[in-house]
Amino acid sequence: MSGTPVGHGYLFDAYCHYHLKVGDAFVEASYRSSAETVEVFGSSTKNADGKHIAWREIIRRTAA
């Protein structure tokens, strides 16, 4: 896939949204960053069981 567009998205300041087709499913992911965290919100029209799913993650910066 290197160099080939696989989806569409946009970026506004600290917010990024992206969606792409993966097999028969459509996946959307949004990222919102701050100084200490990145919040991830996502959804997929089909998981391994064929069901629609959504998730939220918070990734925190740790000391190096």
N, C-alpha and C. Protein backbone atom coordinates (compact mmCIF):
# COMPACT_ATOMS: atom_id res chain seq x y z
N MET A 1 0.81 -1.19 0.00
CA MET A 1 0.00 0.00 0.00
C MET A 1 0.85 1.26 0.00
N SER A 2 2.11 1.14 0.14
CA SER A 2 2.98 2.31 0.24
C SER A 2 2.77 3.25 -0.95
N GLY A 3 2.48 4.51 -0.65
CA GLY A 3 2.30 5.51 -1.69
C GLY A 3 0.93 5.50 -2.36
N THR A 4 0.07 4.57 -1.97
CA THR A 4 -1.27 4.47 -2.55
C THR A 4 -2.31 4.92 -1.53
N PRO A 5 -3.17 5.88 -1.87
CA PRO A 5 -4.22 6.29 -0.93
C PRO A 5 -5.14 5.11 -0.60
N VAL A 6 -5.46 4.94 0.67
CA VAL A 6 -6.34 3.84 1.09
C VAL A 6 -7.59 4.34 1.80
N GLY A 7 -7.73 5.63 1.98
CA GLY A 7 -8.90 6.17 2.66
C GLY A 7 -8.92 7.68 2.52
N HIS A 8 -9.75 8.30 3.33
CA HIS A 8 -9.90 9.75 3.28
C HIS A 8 -9.94 10.28 4.71
N GLY A 9 -9.49 11.51 4.87
CA GLY A 9 -9.53 12.10 6.20
C GLY A 9 -9.29 13.59 6.16
N TYR A 10 -9.24 14.16 7.36
CA TYR A 10 -8.97 15.59 7.48
C TYR A 10 -8.32 15.87 8.83
N LEU A 11 -7.71 17.03 8.92
CA LEU A 11 -7.01 17.46 10.13
C LEU A 11 -7.35 18.91 10.40
N PHE A 12 -7.84 19.19 11.61
CA PHE A 12 -8.08 20.55 12.08
C PHE A 12 -7.37 20.71 13.42
N ASP A 13 -6.35 21.53 13.45
CA ASP A 13 -5.59 21.78 14.68
C ASP A 13 -5.19 20.46 15.34
N ALA A 14 -5.75 20.13 16.50
CA ALA A 14 -5.36 18.92 17.24
C ALA A 14 -6.34 17.77 17.01
N TYR A 15 -7.16 17.85 15.97
CA TYR A 15 -8.17 16.83 15.70
C TYR A 15 -7.96 16.24 14.31
N CYS A 16 -7.94 14.91 14.24
CA CYS A 16 -7.75 14.21 12.97
C CYS A 16 -8.84 13.14 12.85
N HIS A 17 -9.43 13.04 11.67
CA HIS A 17 -10.44 12.02 11.41
C HIS A 17 -10.07 11.32 10.11
N TYR A 18 -10.27 9.99 10.07
CA TYR A 18 -9.88 9.20 8.91
C TYR A 18 -10.87 8.06 8.75
N HIS A 19 -11.20 7.70 7.51
CA HIS A 19 -12.02 6.51 7.27
C HIS A 19 -11.49 5.76 6.05
N LEU A 20 -11.64 4.45 6.10
CA LEU A 20 -11.16 3.61 5.02
C LEU A 20 -11.95 2.32 4.97
N LYS A 21 -11.89 1.66 3.84
CA LYS A 21 -12.53 0.36 3.68
C LYS A 21 -11.49 -0.72 3.91
N VAL A 22 -11.84 -1.67 4.77
CA VAL A 22 -10.97 -2.81 5.06
C VAL A 22 -11.79 -4.07 4.78
N GLY A 23 -11.52 -4.72 3.67
CA GLY A 23 -12.34 -5.87 3.27
C GLY A 23 -13.76 -5.42 3.03
N ASP A 24 -14.72 -6.04 3.74
CA ASP A 24 -16.13 -5.68 3.62
C ASP A 24 -16.56 -4.62 4.63
N ALA A 25 -15.65 -4.19 5.47
CA ALA A 25 -15.99 -3.24 6.55
C ALA A 25 -15.47 -1.84 6.24
N PHE A 26 -16.14 -0.87 6.83
CA PHE A 26 -15.65 0.51 6.82
C PHE A 26 -15.21 0.85 8.23
N VAL A 27 -14.02 1.40 8.36
CA VAL A 27 -13.45 1.76 9.66
C VAL A 27 -13.27 3.27 9.70
N GLU A 28 -13.70 3.87 10.81
CA GLU A 28 -13.49 5.29 11.05
C GLU A 28 -12.70 5.45 12.33
N ALA A 29 -11.78 6.40 12.34
CA ALA A 29 -11.01 6.69 13.54
C ALA A 29 -10.82 8.19 13.66
N SER A 30 -10.96 8.69 14.88
CA SER A 30 -10.74 10.10 15.17
C SER A 30 -9.72 10.19 16.29
N TYR A 31 -8.85 11.16 16.17
CA TYR A 31 -7.78 11.37 17.15
C TYR A 31 -7.81 12.82 17.60
N ARG A 32 -7.77 13.04 18.92
CA ARG A 32 -7.72 14.39 19.47
C ARG A 32 -6.54 14.42 20.44
N SER A 33 -5.59 15.30 20.18
CA SER A 33 -4.38 15.32 21.00
C SER A 33 -4.33 16.55 21.89
N SER A 34 -3.68 16.36 23.04
CA SER A 34 -3.38 17.45 23.96
C SER A 34 -1.93 17.26 24.39
N ALA A 35 -1.48 18.06 25.31
CA ALA A 35 -0.09 17.98 25.75
C ALA A 35 0.25 16.62 26.38
N GLU A 36 -0.71 16.01 27.05
CA GLU A 36 -0.43 14.77 27.78
C GLU A 36 -1.15 13.53 27.26
N THR A 37 -2.15 13.69 26.40
CA THR A 37 -2.93 12.53 25.96
C THR A 37 -3.26 12.59 24.47
N VAL A 38 -3.61 11.43 23.95
CA VAL A 38 -4.25 11.33 22.64
C VAL A 38 -5.52 10.50 22.88
N GLU A 39 -6.67 11.08 22.55
CA GLU A 39 -7.92 10.35 22.64
C GLU A 39 -8.21 9.75 21.27
N VAL A 40 -8.59 8.48 21.26
CA VAL A 40 -8.89 7.77 20.02
C VAL A 40 -10.34 7.30 20.09
N PHE A 41 -11.12 7.64 19.08
CA PHE A 41 -12.50 7.19 18.96
C PHE A 41 -12.60 6.45 17.64
N GLY A 42 -13.18 5.27 17.65
CA GLY A 42 -13.24 4.51 16.41
C GLY A 42 -14.52 3.71 16.29
N SER A 43 -14.80 3.31 15.06
CA SER A 43 -15.93 2.41 14.80
C SER A 43 -15.64 1.59 13.56
N SER A 44 -16.29 0.45 13.50
CA SER A 44 -16.17 -0.43 12.34
C SER A 44 -17.54 -1.02 12.06
N THR A 45 -17.89 -1.11 10.79
CA THR A 45 -19.19 -1.68 10.43
C THR A 45 -19.23 -3.19 10.60
N LYS A 46 -18.07 -3.81 10.80
CA LYS A 46 -18.06 -5.27 10.94
C LYS A 46 -16.80 -5.71 11.69
N ASN A 47 -16.99 -6.44 12.80
CA ASN A 47 -15.84 -7.03 13.48
C ASN A 47 -15.74 -8.51 13.08
N ALA A 48 -14.93 -9.28 13.79
CA ALA A 48 -14.74 -10.70 13.45
C ALA A 48 -16.05 -11.49 13.55
N ASP A 49 -16.99 -11.01 14.41
CA ASP A 49 -18.28 -11.68 14.56
C ASP A 49 -19.35 -11.09 13.64
N GLY A 50 -18.96 -10.14 12.78
CA GLY A 50 -19.91 -9.54 11.85
C GLY A 50 -20.76 -8.44 12.44
N LYS A 51 -20.39 -7.93 13.62
CA LYS A 51 -21.19 -6.91 14.30
C LYS A 51 -20.53 -5.54 14.22
N HIS A 52 -21.36 -4.49 14.27
CA HIS A 52 -20.86 -3.12 14.32
C HIS A 52 -20.25 -2.89 15.70
N ILE A 53 -19.09 -2.24 15.75
CA ILE A 53 -18.45 -1.96 17.03
C ILE A 53 -17.98 -0.52 17.06
N ALA A 54 -17.79 -0.03 18.27
CA ALA A 54 -17.21 1.30 18.48
C ALA A 54 -16.32 1.22 19.71
N TRP A 55 -15.31 2.08 19.78
CA TRP A 55 -14.39 2.05 20.91
C TRP A 55 -13.84 3.44 21.18
N ARG A 56 -13.28 3.56 22.38
CA ARG A 56 -12.61 4.79 22.80
C ARG A 56 -11.38 4.39 23.59
N GLU A 57 -10.29 5.06 23.31
CA GLU A 57 -9.04 4.82 24.03
C GLU A 57 -8.46 6.16 24.44
N ILE A 58 -7.75 6.18 25.55
CA ILE A 58 -6.99 7.36 25.95
C ILE A 58 -5.55 6.91 26.14
N ILE A 59 -4.67 7.49 25.37
CA ILE A 59 -3.24 7.16 25.44
C ILE A 59 -2.57 8.30 26.19
N ARG A 60 -1.87 7.96 27.28
CA ARG A 60 -1.25 8.97 28.13
C ARG A 60 0.27 8.95 27.97
N ARG A 61 0.84 10.14 28.01
CA ARG A 61 2.30 10.28 27.96
C ARG A 61 2.88 9.83 29.30
N THR A 62 3.98 9.09 29.26
CA THR A 62 4.69 8.70 30.48
C THR A 62 6.08 9.30 30.46
N ALA A 63 6.69 9.37 31.62
CA ALA A 63 8.04 9.92 31.71
C ALA A 63 9.01 9.01 30.99
N ALA A 64 9.96 9.59 30.30
CA ALA A 64 10.96 8.81 29.55
C ALA A 64 12.05 8.31 30.45
